[in-house]
Amino acid sequence: MIRHFSIRVGQALLALLVVLLLVFLSSRATGSPLDLLLGPQATQADYARLERELGLDQPIHVQFGRYAVGLASGDMGKSLRTREPVASMIASTAPASIVLGTASLAVAALLAVPLGVFAASHRGQLVDRATTALSVFWMSMAPFWFGIVLIAVFAVRLRWFPAGGNAGIRSIVLPGLTLALFATGGLTRLIRTSMLEALGSEYVRLARSTGASERRVLWRHALRNALLPAVNYLGILFALVITVNAVVEAVFDWPGLGRMVYNAILSRDFPVVQGLVLLAATIAIGVNLLVDVVMLGIDPRTRRG
């Protein structure tokens, strides 16, 4: 098991390196930030001075090497726009995104698990077809459109909740519901598919042959194994929700990491974009690694890969 764990860790580190390199190169493909940082009255000397000061005059491989060395010592660089350390910006902004992401994914899990189980246990029936249609609608729904609808109805017309900002727990409801329903669609379909596979397995047939009730078979035997892919999926969703969910945070003016990456992309603030994408990739890969380790312990057959 130690050998397989070491292989998984090596694969995770390699994936992080590839993601970092791709983000580093693609962020610079959008153009130079100098035009945005300097005013229209700036001279060529001003451009040359700022380019040298920011290290953008160096070859791309030199820039990447310096960035990688800095990361190894915990330095994520400084924002080109505000000159603040990226790590400090993330630390001060992350709590708002973590609260919103945790709340929305908790609601998504509470909705998706029973919906997926009931759909699988009533395969082909009206409950299954209705759940599938609802899941597809939630998955295809544009979050920014749904967020605007919620604001128009519950904030402007009914005045039940604030339209934006972070002024307490009531401010979480509308953006949290927007994210929760979007996540519920994919999670419900994943749980349904995993449950159908589990219900056709040998251990479920064995449980039924021993006289176990259908309720016990569904919620204890089948669901326990069907949840592993769902946990993996939730980890990836959590990484995306708290880091690059720029659309919803922009619609609701939520002061989180998503809005920060949105502003960083507009201003071509490379270090901030790189830091946030690296954080998202680390969380997603870390959750995948954790799930792999759990599965290695639960099901020894997974060690063969």
C-alpha atoms as a PDB file:
ATOM      1  CA  MET A   1       0.000   0.000   0.000  1.00  0.00           C
ATOM      2  CA  ILE A   2       2.909   2.366   0.736  1.00  0.00           C
ATOM      3  CA  ARG A   3       4.232   1.840  -2.784  1.00  0.00           C
ATOM      4  CA  HIS A   4       0.869   2.681  -4.330  1.00  0.00           C
ATOM      5  CA  PHE A   5       0.537   5.723  -2.070  1.00  0.00           C
ATOM      6  CA  SER A   6       3.965   6.953  -3.208  1.00  0.00           C
ATOM      7  CA  ILE A   7       2.932   6.537  -6.847  1.00  0.00           C
ATOM      8  CA  ARG A   8      -0.263   8.541  -6.231  1.00  0.00           C
ATOM      9  CA  VAL A   9       1.721  11.325  -4.530  1.00  0.00           C
ATOM     10  CA  GLY A  10       4.189  11.437  -7.423  1.00  0.00           C
ATOM     11  CA  GLN A  11       1.326  11.645  -9.928  1.00  0.00           C
ATOM     12  CA  ALA A  12      -0.284  14.437  -7.890  1.00  0.00           C
ATOM     13  CA  LEU A  13       2.928  16.477  -7.819  1.00  0.00           C
ATOM     14  CA  LEU A  14       3.414  15.984 -11.565  1.00  0.00           C
ATOM     15  CA  ALA A  15      -0.155  17.109 -12.229  1.00  0.00           C
ATOM     16  CA  LEU A  16       0.407  20.227 -10.123  1.00  0.00           C
ATOM     17  CA  LEU A  17       3.553  21.048 -12.078  1.00  0.00           C
ATOM     18  CA  VAL A  18       1.737  20.652 -15.414  1.00  0.00           C
ATOM     19  CA  VAL A  19      -1.164  22.842 -14.237  1.00  0.00           C
ATOM     20  CA  LEU A  20       1.238  25.490 -12.977  1.00  0.00           C
ATOM     21  CA  LEU A  21       3.164  25.556 -16.264  1.00  0.00           C
ATOM     22  CA  LEU A  22       0.009  25.757 -18.384  1.00  0.00           C
ATOM     23  CA  VAL A  23      -1.443  28.580 -16.285  1.00  0.00           C
ATOM     24  CA  PHE A  24       1.869  30.431 -16.281  1.00  0.00           C
ATOM     25  CA  LEU A  25       2.075  30.331 -20.086  1.00  0.00           C
ATOM     26  CA  SER A  26      -1.615  30.922 -20.861  1.00  0.00           C
ATOM     27  CA  SER A  27      -1.907  33.913 -18.517  1.00  0.00           C
ATOM     28  CA  ARG A  28       0.882  35.650 -20.427  1.00  0.00           C
ATOM     29  CA  ALA A  29      -0.736  34.880 -23.763  1.00  0.00           C
ATOM     30  CA  THR A  30      -3.435  37.464 -22.989  1.00  0.00           C
ATOM     31  CA  GLY A  31      -0.948  40.314 -23.432  1.00  0.00           C
ATOM     32  CA  SER A  32       1.194  42.604 -21.342  1.00  0.00           C
ATOM     33  CA  PRO A  33      -0.278  44.307 -18.263  1.00  0.00           C
ATOM     34  CA  LEU A  34       1.887  47.391 -18.751  1.00  0.00           C
ATOM     35  CA  ASP A  35      -0.764  49.223 -20.767  1.00  0.00           C
ATOM     36  CA  LEU A  36      -3.231  48.772 -17.901  1.00  0.00           C
ATOM     37  CA  LEU A  37      -0.747  49.724 -15.180  1.00  0.00           C
ATOM     38  CA  LEU A  38       0.594  52.841 -16.893  1.00  0.00           C
ATOM     39  CA  GLY A  39      -1.445  55.824 -17.964  1.00  0.00           C
ATOM     40  CA  PRO A  40      -1.783  57.128 -21.520  1.00  0.00           C
ATOM     41  CA  GLN A  41       0.907  59.741 -20.836  1.00  0.00           C
ATOM     42  CA  ALA A  42       3.574  57.127 -20.065  1.00  0.00           C
ATOM     43  CA  THR A  43       6.772  57.220 -22.105  1.00  0.00           C
ATOM     44  CA  GLN A  44       8.850  54.380 -23.498  1.00  0.00           C
ATOM     45  CA  ALA A  45      11.238  54.920 -20.594  1.00  0.00           C
ATOM     46  CA  ASP A  46       8.352  54.400 -18.160  1.00  0.00           C
ATOM     47  CA  TYR A  47       7.434  51.160 -19.934  1.00  0.00           C
ATOM     48  CA  ALA A  48      11.026  49.922 -19.837  1.00  0.00           C
ATOM     49  CA  ARG A  49      11.429  50.836 -16.174  1.00  0.00           C
ATOM     50  CA  LEU A  50       8.208  49.092 -15.057  1.00  0.00           C
ATOM     51  CA  GLU A  51       8.925  46.050 -17.227  1.00  0.00           C
ATOM     52  CA  ARG A  52      12.355  45.708 -15.608  1.00  0.00           C
ATOM     53  CA  GLU A  53      10.915  46.306 -12.133  1.00  0.00           C
ATOM     54  CA  LEU A  54       8.307  43.562 -12.563  1.00  0.00           C
ATOM     55  CA  GLY A  55      10.800  41.164 -14.147  1.00  0.00           C
ATOM     56  CA  LEU A  56       8.813  40.956 -17.382  1.00  0.00           C
ATOM     57  CA  ASP A  57      11.883  41.805 -19.444  1.00  0.00           C
ATOM     58  CA  GLN A  58      13.377  38.379 -18.706  1.00  0.00           C
ATOM     59  CA  PRO A  59      12.904  35.330 -20.996  1.00  0.00           C
ATOM     60  CA  ILE A  60       9.820  33.286 -20.190  1.00  0.00           C
ATOM     61  CA  HIS A  61      11.814  30.300 -18.896  1.00  0.00           C
ATOM     62  CA  VAL A  62      13.702  32.576 -16.507  1.00  0.00           C
ATOM     63  CA  GLN A  63      10.434  34.052 -15.226  1.00  0.00           C
ATOM     64  CA  PHE A  64       9.005  30.578 -14.656  1.00  0.00           C
ATOM     65  CA  GLY A  65      12.159  29.406 -12.894  1.00  0.00           C
ATOM     66  CA  ARG A  66      12.063  32.353 -10.502  1.00  0.00           C
ATOM     67  CA  TYR A  67       8.384  31.758  -9.823  1.00  0.00           C
ATOM     68  CA  ALA A  68       8.926  28.044  -9.151  1.00  0.00           C
ATOM     69  CA  VAL A  69      11.834  28.765  -6.794  1.00  0.00           C
ATOM     70  CA  GLY A  70       9.687  31.291  -4.957  1.00  0.00           C
ATOM     71  CA  LEU A  71       6.855  28.778  -4.605  1.00  0.00           C
ATOM     72  CA  ALA A  72       9.243  26.253  -3.109  1.00  0.00           C
ATOM     73  CA  SER A  73       9.946  28.747  -0.313  1.00  0.00           C
ATOM     74  CA  GLY A  74       6.273  29.678   0.129  1.00  0.00           C
ATOM     75  CA  ASP A  75       6.398  32.891  -1.912  1.00  0.00           C
ATOM     76  CA  MET A  76       3.528  33.144  -4.417  1.00  0.00           C
ATOM     77  CA  GLY A  77       4.729  36.489  -5.725  1.00  0.00           C
ATOM     78  CA  LYS A  78       3.176  39.945  -5.530  1.00  0.00           C
ATOM     79  CA  SER A  79       0.199  41.418  -7.302  1.00  0.00           C
ATOM     80  CA  LEU A  80       1.239  43.524 -10.285  1.00  0.00           C
ATOM     81  CA  ARG A  81      -1.619  45.917  -9.598  1.00  0.00           C
ATOM     82  CA  THR A  82      -1.585  46.392  -5.808  1.00  0.00           C
ATOM     83  CA  ARG A  83       1.953  45.120  -5.073  1.00  0.00           C
ATOM     84  CA  GLU A  84       0.540  43.077  -2.169  1.00  0.00           C
ATOM     85  CA  PRO A  85       1.777  39.524  -1.564  1.00  0.00           C
ATOM     86  CA  VAL A  86      -0.551  37.100  -3.306  1.00  0.00           C
ATOM     87  CA  ALA A  87      -0.528  34.764  -0.307  1.00  0.00           C
ATOM     88  CA  SER A  88      -1.778  37.590   1.947  1.00  0.00           C
ATOM     89  CA  MET A  89      -4.513  38.514  -0.529  1.00  0.00           C
ATOM     90  CA  ILE A  90      -5.697  34.905  -0.680  1.00  0.00           C
ATOM     91  CA  ALA A  91      -5.580  34.530   3.111  1.00  0.00           C
ATOM     92  CA  SER A  92      -7.690  37.643   3.667  1.00  0.00           C
ATOM     93  CA  THR A  93     -10.257  36.768   0.995  1.00  0.00           C
ATOM     94  CA  ALA A  94     -10.510  32.985   1.321  1.00  0.00           C
ATOM     95  CA  PRO A  95     -12.759  32.845   4.442  1.00  0.00           C
ATOM     96  CA  ALA A  96     -15.696  34.426   2.594  1.00  0.00           C
ATOM     97  CA  SER A  97     -15.383  31.947  -0.273  1.00  0.00           C
ATOM     98  CA  ILE A  98     -14.940  28.989   2.082  1.00  0.00           C
ATOM     99  CA  VAL A  99     -18.118  29.903   3.978  1.00  0.00           C
ATOM    100  CA  LEU A 100     -20.113  30.318   0.762  1.00  0.00           C
ATOM    101  CA  GLY A 101     -18.683  27.163  -0.822  1.00  0.00           C
ATOM    102  CA  THR A 102     -19.209  25.003   2.267  1.00  0.00           C
ATOM    103  CA  ALA A 103     -22.806  26.175   2.716  1.00  0.00           C
ATOM    104  CA  SER A 104     -23.722  25.672  -0.950  1.00  0.00           C
ATOM    105  CA  LEU A 105     -22.146  22.212  -1.240  1.00  0.00           C
ATOM    106  CA  ALA A 106     -23.746  21.098   2.041  1.00  0.00           C
ATOM    107  CA  VAL A 107     -27.152  22.014   0.611  1.00  0.00           C
ATOM    108  CA  ALA A 108     -26.255  20.304  -2.677  1.00  0.00           C
ATOM    109  CA  ALA A 109     -25.315  17.093  -0.851  1.00  0.00           C
ATOM    110  CA  LEU A 110     -28.506  17.153   1.230  1.00  0.00           C
ATOM    111  CA  LEU A 111     -30.567  17.462  -1.959  1.00  0.00           C
ATOM    112  CA  ALA A 112     -28.578  15.208  -4.288  1.00  0.00           C
ATOM    113  CA  VAL A 113     -28.182  12.130  -2.067  1.00  0.00           C
ATOM    114  CA  PRO A 114     -31.904  11.381  -1.533  1.00  0.00           C
ATOM    115  CA  LEU A 115     -32.764  12.408  -5.106  1.00  0.00           C
ATOM    116  CA  GLY A 116     -30.088  10.134  -6.569  1.00  0.00           C
ATOM    117  CA  VAL A 117     -31.050   7.204  -4.328  1.00  0.00           C
ATOM    118  CA  PHE A 118     -34.777   7.481  -5.062  1.00  0.00           C
ATOM    119  CA  ALA A 119     -34.155   7.862  -8.799  1.00  0.00           C
ATOM    120  CA  ALA A 120     -31.986   4.738  -8.861  1.00  0.00           C
ATOM    121  CA  SER A 121     -34.418   2.711  -6.766  1.00  0.00           C
ATOM    122  CA  HIS A 122     -37.297   3.679  -9.122  1.00  0.00           C
ATOM    123  CA  ARG A 123     -35.392   3.242 -12.376  1.00  0.00           C
ATOM    124  CA  GLY A 124     -37.513   3.974 -15.442  1.00  0.00           C
ATOM    125  CA  GLN A 125     -40.462   5.203 -13.381  1.00  0.00           C
ATOM    126  CA  LEU A 126     -41.892   8.723 -13.136  1.00  0.00           C
ATOM    127  CA  VAL A 127     -39.704   9.609 -10.139  1.00  0.00           C
ATOM    128  CA  ASP A 128     -36.586   8.662 -12.084  1.00  0.00           C
ATOM    129  CA  ARG A 129     -37.587  10.575 -15.226  1.00  0.00           C
ATOM    130  CA  ALA A 130     -38.565  13.690 -13.257  1.00  0.00           C
ATOM    131  CA  THR A 131     -35.327  13.647 -11.262  1.00  0.00           C
ATOM    132  CA  THR A 132     -33.255  13.219 -14.422  1.00  0.00           C
ATOM    133  CA  ALA A 133     -35.039  16.102 -16.144  1.00  0.00           C
ATOM    134  CA  LEU A 134     -34.594  18.325 -13.102  1.00  0.00           C
ATOM    135  CA  SER A 135     -30.908  17.428 -12.859  1.00  0.00           C
ATOM    136  CA  VAL A 136     -30.308  18.245 -16.521  1.00  0.00           C
ATOM    137  CA  PHE A 137     -32.080  21.585 -16.078  1.00  0.00           C
ATOM    138  CA  TRP A 138     -29.945  22.478 -13.067  1.00  0.00           C
ATOM    139  CA  MET A 139     -26.753  21.463 -14.871  1.00  0.00           C
ATOM    140  CA  SER A 140     -27.579  23.477 -18.009  1.00  0.00           C
ATOM    141  CA  MET A 141     -28.829  26.503 -16.095  1.00  0.00           C
ATOM    142  CA  ALA A 142     -26.526  29.530 -16.383  1.00  0.00           C
ATOM    143  CA  PRO A 143     -25.614  30.488 -12.786  1.00  0.00           C
ATOM    144  CA  PHE A 144     -25.421  34.222 -13.563  1.00  0.00           C
ATOM    145  CA  TRP A 145     -28.940  34.126 -15.077  1.00  0.00           C
ATOM    146  CA  PHE A 146     -30.373  32.207 -12.133  1.00  0.00           C
ATOM    147  CA  GLY A 147     -28.627  34.575  -9.714  1.00  0.00           C
ATOM    148  CA  ILE A 148     -30.181  37.596 -11.407  1.00  0.00           C
ATOM    149  CA  VAL A 149     -33.615  35.926 -11.237  1.00  0.00           C
ATOM    150  CA  LEU A 150     -33.187  35.287  -7.503  1.00  0.00           C
ATOM    151  CA  ILE A 151     -32.139  38.895  -6.936  1.00  0.00           C
ATOM    152  CA  ALA A 152     -35.122  40.213  -8.911  1.00  0.00           C
ATOM    153  CA  VAL A 153     -37.608  38.047  -7.013  1.00  0.00           C
ATOM    154  CA  PHE A 154     -36.282  37.705  -3.461  1.00  0.00           C
ATOM    155  CA  ALA A 155     -34.196  40.862  -3.076  1.00  0.00           C
ATOM    156  CA  VAL A 156     -35.934  43.493  -5.212  1.00  0.00           C
ATOM    157  CA  ARG A 157     -39.582  42.403  -5.232  1.00  0.00           C
ATOM    158  CA  LEU A 158     -40.024  40.560  -1.919  1.00  0.00           C
ATOM    159  CA  ARG A 159     -37.100  42.199  -0.072  1.00  0.00           C
ATOM    160  CA  TRP A 160     -36.416  39.020   1.901  1.00  0.00           C
ATOM    161  CA  PHE A 161     -32.661  38.963   1.357  1.00  0.00           C
ATOM    162  CA  PRO A 162     -29.885  41.436   0.453  1.00  0.00           C
ATOM    163  CA  ALA A 163     -29.097  41.764  -3.238  1.00  0.00           C
ATOM    164  CA  GLY A 164     -25.350  41.528  -2.684  1.00  0.00           C
ATOM    165  CA  GLY A 165     -22.401  41.961  -0.384  1.00  0.00           C
ATOM    166  CA  ASN A 166     -21.520  40.068   2.765  1.00  0.00           C
ATOM    167  CA  ALA A 167     -23.537  41.534   5.605  1.00  0.00           C
ATOM    168  CA  GLY A 168     -24.291  38.411   7.608  1.00  0.00           C
ATOM    169  CA  ILE A 169     -25.897  35.028   7.228  1.00  0.00           C
ATOM    170  CA  ARG A 170     -28.845  36.370   5.185  1.00  0.00           C
ATOM    171  CA  SER A 171     -26.389  37.462   2.508  1.00  0.00           C
ATOM    172  CA  ILE A 172     -25.322  33.834   1.957  1.00  0.00           C
ATOM    173  CA  VAL A 173     -28.781  32.556   1.029  1.00  0.00           C
ATOM    174  CA  LEU A 174     -29.116  33.760  -2.576  1.00  0.00           C
ATOM    175  CA  PRO A 175     -25.549  33.105  -3.821  1.00  0.00           C
ATOM    176  CA  GLY A 176     -25.473  29.862  -1.827  1.00  0.00           C
ATOM    177  CA  LEU A 177     -28.720  28.659  -3.417  1.00  0.00           C
ATOM    178  CA  THR A 178     -27.440  29.577  -6.883  1.00  0.00           C
ATOM    179  CA  LEU A 179     -24.304  27.486  -6.400  1.00  0.00           C
ATOM    180  CA  ALA A 180     -26.139  24.679  -4.602  1.00  0.00           C
ATOM    181  CA  LEU A 181     -28.650  24.017  -7.387  1.00  0.00           C
ATOM    182  CA  PHE A 182     -25.941  24.137 -10.052  1.00  0.00           C
ATOM    183  CA  ALA A 183     -23.900  21.554  -8.090  1.00  0.00           C
ATOM    184  CA  THR A 184     -26.954  19.430  -7.270  1.00  0.00           C
ATOM    185  CA  GLY A 185     -27.611  18.575 -10.922  1.00  0.00           C
ATOM    186  CA  GLY A 186     -24.306  16.841 -11.622  1.00  0.00           C
ATOM    187  CA  LEU A 187     -24.097  15.308  -8.152  1.00  0.00           C
ATOM    188  CA  THR A 188     -27.584  13.796  -8.407  1.00  0.00           C
ATOM    189  CA  ARG A 189     -26.817  12.140 -11.737  1.00  0.00           C
ATOM    190  CA  LEU A 190     -23.507  10.829 -10.415  1.00  0.00           C
ATOM    191  CA  ILE A 191     -25.126   9.299  -7.326  1.00  0.00           C
ATOM    192  CA  ARG A 192     -27.902   7.787  -9.439  1.00  0.00           C
ATOM    193  CA  THR A 193     -25.371   6.152 -11.770  1.00  0.00           C
ATOM    194  CA  SER A 194     -23.242   4.889  -8.875  1.00  0.00           C
ATOM    195  CA  MET A 195     -26.327   3.548  -7.092  1.00  0.00           C
ATOM    196  CA  LEU A 196     -27.476   1.650 -10.187  1.00  0.00           C
ATOM    197  CA  GLU A 197     -24.050   0.025 -10.420  1.00  0.00           C
ATOM    198  CA  ALA A 198     -24.066  -0.786  -6.712  1.00  0.00           C
ATOM    199  CA  LEU A 199     -27.602  -2.236  -6.813  1.00  0.00           C
ATOM    200  CA  GLY A 200     -26.495  -4.712  -9.488  1.00  0.00           C
ATOM    201  CA  SER A 201     -23.456  -5.896  -7.533  1.00  0.00           C
ATOM    202  CA  GLU A 202     -22.920  -9.227  -5.804  1.00  0.00           C
ATOM    203  CA  TYR A 203     -22.870  -7.873  -2.253  1.00  0.00           C
ATOM    204  CA  VAL A 204     -26.279  -6.213  -2.701  1.00  0.00           C
ATOM    205  CA  ARG A 205     -27.762  -9.440  -4.059  1.00  0.00           C
ATOM    206  CA  LEU A 206     -26.233 -11.242  -1.088  1.00  0.00           C
ATOM    207  CA  ALA A 207     -27.757  -8.730   1.338  1.00  0.00           C
ATOM    208  CA  ARG A 208     -31.163  -9.217  -0.247  1.00  0.00           C
ATOM    209  CA  SER A 209     -30.830 -12.985  -0.088  1.00  0.00           C
ATOM    210  CA  THR A 210     -30.267 -12.776   3.674  1.00  0.00           C
ATOM    211  CA  GLY A 211     -33.653 -11.082   4.088  1.00  0.00           C
ATOM    212  CA  ALA A 212     -32.462  -7.499   4.597  1.00  0.00           C
ATOM    213  CA  SER A 213     -35.137  -4.896   3.990  1.00  0.00           C
ATOM    214  CA  GLU A 214     -34.982  -2.819   0.808  1.00  0.00           C
ATOM    215  CA  ARG A 215     -34.501   0.303   2.924  1.00  0.00           C
ATOM    216  CA  ARG A 216     -31.448  -1.235   4.584  1.00  0.00           C
ATOM    217  CA  VAL A 217     -30.082  -2.443   1.245  1.00  0.00           C
ATOM    218  CA  LEU A 218     -30.409   1.021  -0.285  1.00  0.00           C
ATOM    219  CA  TRP A 219     -29.167   3.245   2.511  1.00  0.00           C
ATOM    220  CA  ARG A 220     -26.598   1.018   4.186  1.00  0.00           C
ATOM    221  CA  HIS A 221     -25.165  -1.377   1.641  1.00  0.00           C
ATOM    222  CA  ALA A 222     -25.509   0.321  -1.762  1.00  0.00           C
ATOM    223  CA  LEU A 223     -25.145   3.980  -0.757  1.00  0.00           C
ATOM    224  CA  ARG A 224     -21.945   3.378   1.221  1.00  0.00           C
ATOM    225  CA  ASN A 225     -20.126   2.330  -1.957  1.00  0.00           C
ATOM    226  CA  ALA A 226     -21.944   4.754  -4.255  1.00  0.00           C
ATOM    227  CA  LEU A 227     -20.761   7.748  -2.210  1.00  0.00           C
ATOM    228  CA  LEU A 228     -17.054   7.335  -3.016  1.00  0.00           C
ATOM    229  CA  PRO A 229     -17.276   8.869  -6.529  1.00  0.00           C
ATOM    230  CA  ALA A 230     -19.566  11.563  -5.105  1.00  0.00           C
ATOM    231  CA  VAL A 231     -16.984  12.553  -2.482  1.00  0.00           C
ATOM    232  CA  ASN A 232     -14.371  12.850  -5.219  1.00  0.00           C
ATOM    233  CA  TYR A 233     -16.710  15.021  -7.290  1.00  0.00           C
ATOM    234  CA  LEU A 234     -17.557  17.203  -4.285  1.00  0.00           C
ATOM    235  CA  GLY A 235     -13.873  17.819  -3.667  1.00  0.00           C
ATOM    236  CA  ILE A 236     -13.390  19.090  -7.210  1.00  0.00           C
ATOM    237  CA  LEU A 237     -16.526  21.231  -6.928  1.00  0.00           C
ATOM    238  CA  PHE A 238     -15.312  22.679  -3.638  1.00  0.00           C
ATOM    239  CA  ALA A 239     -12.000  23.655  -5.206  1.00  0.00           C
ATOM    240  CA  LEU A 240     -13.785  25.415  -8.049  1.00  0.00           C
ATOM    241  CA  VAL A 241     -16.423  27.063  -5.884  1.00  0.00           C
ATOM    242  CA  ILE A 242     -14.008  28.709  -3.462  1.00  0.00           C
ATOM    243  CA  THR A 243     -11.449  29.859  -6.022  1.00  0.00           C
ATOM    244  CA  VAL A 244     -12.647  30.485  -9.553  1.00  0.00           C
ATOM    245  CA  ASN A 245     -16.398  30.930  -9.150  1.00  0.00           C
ATOM    246  CA  ALA A 246     -16.111  34.456 -10.495  1.00  0.00           C
ATOM    247  CA  VAL A 247     -19.543  34.680 -12.133  1.00  0.00           C
ATOM    248  CA  VAL A 248     -21.701  34.144  -9.044  1.00  0.00           C
ATOM    249  CA  GLU A 249     -19.466  36.226  -6.811  1.00  0.00           C
ATOM    250  CA  ALA A 250     -19.527  39.055  -9.358  1.00  0.00           C
ATOM    251  CA  VAL A 251     -23.343  38.925  -9.640  1.00  0.00           C
ATOM    252  CA  PHE A 252     -23.820  39.050  -5.871  1.00  0.00           C
ATOM    253  CA  ASP A 253     -20.804  41.299  -5.189  1.00  0.00           C
ATOM    254  CA  TRP A 254     -19.480  38.620  -2.839  1.00  0.00           C
ATOM    255  CA  PRO A 255     -16.009  39.569  -1.523  1.00  0.00           C
ATOM    256  CA  GLY A 256     -14.369  36.220  -2.205  1.00  0.00           C
ATOM    257  CA  LEU A 257     -11.654  34.588  -4.266  1.00  0.00           C
ATOM    258  CA  GLY A 258     -13.862  34.303  -7.342  1.00  0.00           C
ATOM    259  CA  ARG A 259     -14.319  38.049  -7.568  1.00  0.00           C
ATOM    260  CA  MET A 260     -10.617  38.509  -6.950  1.00  0.00           C
ATOM    261  CA  VAL A 261      -9.652  36.228  -9.852  1.00  0.00           C
ATOM    262  CA  TYR A 262     -12.203  38.011 -12.050  1.00  0.00           C
ATOM    263  CA  ASN A 263     -10.569  41.373 -11.345  1.00  0.00           C
ATOM    264  CA  ALA A 264      -7.107  39.829 -11.780  1.00  0.00           C
ATOM    265  CA  ILE A 265      -7.977  38.484 -15.231  1.00  0.00           C
ATOM    266  CA  LEU A 266      -9.334  41.855 -16.333  1.00  0.00           C
ATOM    267  CA  SER A 267      -6.164  43.633 -15.182  1.00  0.00           C
ATOM    268  CA  ARG A 268      -3.824  40.834 -16.407  1.00  0.00           C
ATOM    269  CA  ASP A 269      -2.501  40.409 -12.894  1.00  0.00           C
ATOM    270  CA  PHE A 270      -0.532  37.216 -13.598  1.00  0.00           C
ATOM    271  CA  PRO A 271       0.655  36.348 -10.073  1.00  0.00           C
ATOM    272  CA  VAL A 272      -2.864  36.538  -8.613  1.00  0.00           C
ATOM    273  CA  VAL A 273      -4.340  34.347 -11.373  1.00  0.00           C
ATOM    274  CA  GLN A 274      -1.508  31.834 -10.981  1.00  0.00           C
ATOM    275  CA  GLY A 275      -1.900  31.725  -7.197  1.00  0.00           C
ATOM    276  CA  LEU A 276      -5.660  31.149  -7.316  1.00  0.00           C
ATOM    277  CA  VAL A 277      -5.508  28.471 -10.003  1.00  0.00           C
ATOM    278  CA  LEU A 278      -2.686  26.761  -8.126  1.00  0.00           C
ATOM    279  CA  LEU A 279      -4.834  26.786  -4.978  1.00  0.00           C
ATOM    280  CA  ALA A 280      -7.795  25.295  -6.866  1.00  0.00           C
ATOM    281  CA  ALA A 281      -5.604  22.601  -8.422  1.00  0.00           C
ATOM    282  CA  THR A 282      -4.009  21.763  -5.065  1.00  0.00           C
ATOM    283  CA  ILE A 283      -7.397  21.303  -3.388  1.00  0.00           C
ATOM    284  CA  ALA A 284      -8.823  19.236  -6.260  1.00  0.00           C
ATOM    285  CA  ILE A 285      -5.737  17.020  -6.574  1.00  0.00           C
ATOM    286  CA  GLY A 286      -5.467  16.716  -2.794  1.00  0.00           C
ATOM    287  CA  VAL A 287      -9.072  15.518  -2.506  1.00  0.00           C
ATOM    288  CA  ASN A 288      -8.507  13.044  -5.351  1.00  0.00           C
ATOM    289  CA  LEU A 289      -5.412  11.748  -3.577  1.00  0.00           C
ATOM    290  CA  LEU A 290      -7.315  11.401  -0.308  1.00  0.00           C
ATOM    291  CA  VAL A 291     -10.127   9.487  -2.003  1.00  0.00           C
ATOM    292  CA  ASP A 292      -7.575   7.222  -3.702  1.00  0.00           C
ATOM    293  CA  VAL A 293      -5.962   6.442  -0.347  1.00  0.00           C
ATOM    294  CA  VAL A 294      -9.366   5.724   1.229  1.00  0.00           C
ATOM    295  CA  MET A 295     -10.280   3.415  -1.649  1.00  0.00           C
ATOM    296  CA  LEU A 296      -6.925   1.621  -1.354  1.00  0.00           C
ATOM    297  CA  GLY A 297      -7.792   0.839   2.234  1.00  0.00           C
ATOM    298  CA  ILE A 298     -11.412  -0.112   1.570  1.00  0.00           C
ATOM    299  CA  ASP A 299     -11.039  -2.062  -1.674  1.00  0.00           C
ATOM    300  CA  PRO A 300      -7.652  -3.782  -2.190  1.00  0.00           C
ATOM    301  CA  ARG A 301      -8.570  -4.457  -5.819  1.00  0.00           C
ATOM    302  CA  THR A 302      -7.846  -0.790  -6.635  1.00  0.00           C
ATOM    303  CA  ARG A 303      -4.162  -1.410  -5.916  1.00  0.00           C
ATOM    304  CA  ARG A 304      -3.775  -3.347  -9.124  1.00  0.00           C
ATOM    305  CA  GLY A 305      -3.877  -0.150 -11.221  1.00  0.00           C
END
